[in-house]
N, C-alpha and C. Protein backbone atom coordinates (compact mmCIF):
# COMPACT_ATOMS: atom_id res chain seq x y z
N UNK A 1 -20.91 -41.59 -46.74
CA UNK A 1 -19.58 -41.58 -46.18
C UNK A 1 -19.04 -40.18 -45.91
N UNK A 2 -19.33 -39.18 -46.75
CA UNK A 2 -18.79 -37.86 -46.44
C UNK A 2 -19.25 -37.36 -45.08
N UNK A 3 -20.45 -37.76 -44.65
CA UNK A 3 -20.94 -37.35 -43.35
C UNK A 3 -20.05 -37.91 -42.24
N UNK A 4 -19.57 -39.13 -42.38
CA UNK A 4 -18.70 -39.73 -41.38
C UNK A 4 -17.31 -39.12 -41.42
N UNK A 5 -16.80 -38.80 -42.60
CA UNK A 5 -15.45 -38.25 -42.72
C UNK A 5 -15.33 -36.90 -42.03
N UNK A 6 -16.43 -36.19 -41.88
CA UNK A 6 -16.41 -34.91 -41.19
C UNK A 6 -16.06 -35.06 -39.71
N UNK A 7 -16.26 -36.24 -39.16
CA UNK A 7 -16.08 -36.46 -37.72
C UNK A 7 -14.74 -37.11 -37.37
N UNK A 8 -13.83 -37.22 -38.31
CA UNK A 8 -12.51 -37.77 -38.02
C UNK A 8 -11.80 -36.85 -37.04
N UNK A 9 -11.24 -37.44 -35.98
CA UNK A 9 -10.55 -36.67 -34.94
C UNK A 9 -11.47 -36.22 -33.82
N UNK A 10 -12.74 -36.53 -33.89
CA UNK A 10 -13.68 -36.14 -32.85
C UNK A 10 -14.14 -37.37 -32.06
N UNK A 11 -14.56 -37.15 -30.82
CA UNK A 11 -15.05 -38.28 -30.03
C UNK A 11 -16.37 -38.81 -30.60
N UNK A 12 -16.47 -40.13 -30.70
CA UNK A 12 -17.68 -40.77 -31.22
C UNK A 12 -18.06 -41.95 -30.34
N UNK A 13 -19.29 -42.38 -30.51
CA UNK A 13 -19.80 -43.56 -29.83
C UNK A 13 -20.37 -44.46 -30.91
N UNK A 14 -19.99 -45.71 -30.91
CA UNK A 14 -20.48 -46.67 -31.90
C UNK A 14 -21.28 -47.74 -31.17
N UNK A 15 -22.49 -47.97 -31.65
CA UNK A 15 -23.33 -49.04 -31.11
C UNK A 15 -23.40 -50.14 -32.15
N UNK A 16 -22.99 -51.32 -31.74
CA UNK A 16 -23.00 -52.46 -32.66
C UNK A 16 -24.37 -53.13 -32.64
N UNK A 17 -24.60 -53.99 -33.60
CA UNK A 17 -25.90 -54.67 -33.72
C UNK A 17 -26.20 -55.58 -32.52
N UNK A 18 -25.16 -56.04 -31.82
CA UNK A 18 -25.41 -56.90 -30.66
C UNK A 18 -25.60 -56.10 -29.37
N UNK A 19 -25.65 -54.76 -29.45
CA UNK A 19 -25.97 -53.92 -28.31
C UNK A 19 -24.77 -53.34 -27.57
N UNK A 20 -23.57 -53.68 -27.96
CA UNK A 20 -22.38 -53.15 -27.28
C UNK A 20 -22.14 -51.70 -27.70
N UNK A 21 -21.60 -50.92 -26.76
CA UNK A 21 -21.29 -49.52 -27.02
C UNK A 21 -19.78 -49.34 -26.91
N UNK A 22 -19.17 -48.73 -27.92
CA UNK A 22 -17.73 -48.47 -27.94
C UNK A 22 -17.54 -46.97 -28.11
N UNK A 23 -16.69 -46.38 -27.26
CA UNK A 23 -16.42 -44.95 -27.34
C UNK A 23 -14.95 -44.74 -27.65
N UNK A 24 -14.67 -43.68 -28.42
CA UNK A 24 -13.30 -43.36 -28.76
C UNK A 24 -13.23 -42.20 -29.74
N UNK A 25 -12.04 -41.96 -30.25
CA UNK A 25 -11.80 -40.90 -31.23
C UNK A 25 -11.80 -41.54 -32.61
N UNK A 26 -12.60 -41.01 -33.53
CA UNK A 26 -12.62 -41.57 -34.88
C UNK A 26 -11.28 -41.32 -35.54
N UNK A 27 -10.65 -42.40 -35.99
CA UNK A 27 -9.30 -42.34 -36.52
C UNK A 27 -9.25 -42.40 -38.03
N UNK A 28 -10.26 -42.95 -38.66
CA UNK A 28 -10.27 -43.05 -40.12
C UNK A 28 -11.49 -43.79 -40.62
N UNK A 29 -11.73 -43.64 -41.93
CA UNK A 29 -12.86 -44.30 -42.57
C UNK A 29 -12.36 -45.05 -43.80
N UNK A 30 -12.74 -46.31 -43.90
CA UNK A 30 -12.46 -47.11 -45.10
C UNK A 30 -13.81 -47.34 -45.76
N UNK A 31 -14.19 -46.50 -46.75
CA UNK A 31 -15.56 -46.47 -47.26
C UNK A 31 -16.21 -47.81 -47.59
N UNK A 32 -15.57 -48.74 -48.26
CA UNK A 32 -16.33 -49.95 -48.54
C UNK A 32 -16.45 -50.91 -47.35
N UNK A 33 -15.56 -50.75 -46.34
CA UNK A 33 -15.52 -51.76 -45.28
C UNK A 33 -15.99 -51.28 -43.91
N UNK A 34 -15.50 -50.14 -43.41
CA UNK A 34 -15.87 -49.73 -42.06
C UNK A 34 -15.08 -48.53 -41.58
N UNK A 35 -14.97 -48.40 -40.24
CA UNK A 35 -14.29 -47.26 -39.63
C UNK A 35 -13.27 -47.75 -38.61
N UNK A 36 -12.32 -46.87 -38.30
CA UNK A 36 -11.33 -47.11 -37.27
C UNK A 36 -11.54 -46.09 -36.17
N UNK A 37 -11.51 -46.55 -34.90
CA UNK A 37 -11.53 -45.62 -33.78
C UNK A 37 -10.37 -45.96 -32.86
N UNK A 38 -9.90 -44.94 -32.14
CA UNK A 38 -8.85 -45.12 -31.15
C UNK A 38 -9.51 -44.99 -29.78
N UNK A 39 -9.45 -46.06 -28.99
CA UNK A 39 -10.12 -46.04 -27.70
C UNK A 39 -9.24 -45.41 -26.62
N UNK A 40 -9.73 -45.39 -25.39
CA UNK A 40 -9.03 -44.75 -24.29
C UNK A 40 -7.73 -45.42 -23.90
N UNK A 41 -7.50 -46.64 -24.34
CA UNK A 41 -6.28 -47.37 -24.02
C UNK A 41 -5.24 -47.25 -25.11
N UNK A 42 -5.50 -46.44 -26.12
CA UNK A 42 -4.54 -46.23 -27.21
C UNK A 42 -4.58 -47.28 -28.29
N UNK A 43 -5.55 -48.20 -28.21
CA UNK A 43 -5.67 -49.24 -29.24
C UNK A 43 -6.51 -48.72 -30.39
N UNK A 44 -6.14 -49.13 -31.58
CA UNK A 44 -6.91 -48.78 -32.78
C UNK A 44 -7.80 -49.96 -33.11
N UNK A 45 -9.10 -49.72 -33.18
CA UNK A 45 -10.05 -50.80 -33.43
C UNK A 45 -10.78 -50.55 -34.75
N UNK A 46 -11.12 -51.63 -35.42
CA UNK A 46 -11.84 -51.57 -36.68
C UNK A 46 -13.26 -52.07 -36.48
N UNK A 47 -14.23 -51.36 -37.04
CA UNK A 47 -15.63 -51.77 -36.98
C UNK A 47 -16.18 -51.83 -38.39
N UNK A 48 -16.59 -53.01 -38.83
CA UNK A 48 -17.17 -53.18 -40.16
C UNK A 48 -18.59 -52.64 -40.16
N UNK A 49 -18.98 -52.02 -41.26
CA UNK A 49 -20.32 -51.44 -41.36
C UNK A 49 -21.41 -52.49 -41.17
N UNK A 50 -21.11 -53.75 -41.48
CA UNK A 50 -22.10 -54.82 -41.35
C UNK A 50 -22.53 -55.00 -39.90
N UNK A 51 -21.62 -54.74 -38.96
CA UNK A 51 -21.91 -54.97 -37.55
C UNK A 51 -22.30 -53.72 -36.78
N UNK A 52 -22.29 -52.55 -37.43
CA UNK A 52 -22.56 -51.29 -36.75
C UNK A 52 -24.04 -50.93 -36.89
N UNK A 53 -24.64 -50.53 -35.78
CA UNK A 53 -26.04 -50.10 -35.81
C UNK A 53 -26.13 -48.58 -35.95
N UNK A 54 -25.31 -47.84 -35.19
CA UNK A 54 -25.40 -46.38 -35.21
C UNK A 54 -24.09 -45.74 -34.75
N UNK A 55 -23.84 -44.53 -35.24
CA UNK A 55 -22.72 -43.69 -34.80
C UNK A 55 -23.30 -42.45 -34.13
N UNK A 56 -22.71 -42.07 -33.00
CA UNK A 56 -23.15 -40.86 -32.31
C UNK A 56 -21.93 -39.97 -32.06
N UNK A 57 -22.12 -38.68 -32.26
CA UNK A 57 -21.08 -37.70 -31.96
C UNK A 57 -21.74 -36.55 -31.21
N UNK A 58 -21.24 -36.26 -30.02
CA UNK A 58 -21.81 -35.22 -29.17
C UNK A 58 -23.31 -35.42 -28.95
N UNK A 59 -23.70 -36.67 -28.79
CA UNK A 59 -25.09 -36.99 -28.50
C UNK A 59 -26.01 -37.00 -29.72
N UNK A 60 -25.50 -36.64 -30.89
CA UNK A 60 -26.32 -36.64 -32.11
C UNK A 60 -25.99 -37.85 -32.95
N UNK A 61 -27.01 -38.45 -33.51
CA UNK A 61 -26.80 -39.61 -34.38
C UNK A 61 -26.31 -39.13 -35.74
N UNK A 62 -25.18 -39.73 -36.22
CA UNK A 62 -24.63 -39.30 -37.51
C UNK A 62 -24.74 -40.39 -38.56
N UNK A 63 -25.09 -41.60 -38.14
CA UNK A 63 -25.27 -42.69 -39.11
C UNK A 63 -26.16 -43.75 -38.50
């Protein structure tokens, strides 16, 4: 989790297990459950770790 907390406030890309890609600004981390990102429309979205395949920041995989 500390690796993810370093990227709060930075643009990230989240790929879910079903193949969808979500891009936005990392807004927060809830360690036991998942992460929050703010997308381009100003909505805050929650992604549970169970459904996330990978996190990317500036083209590098961080999780």
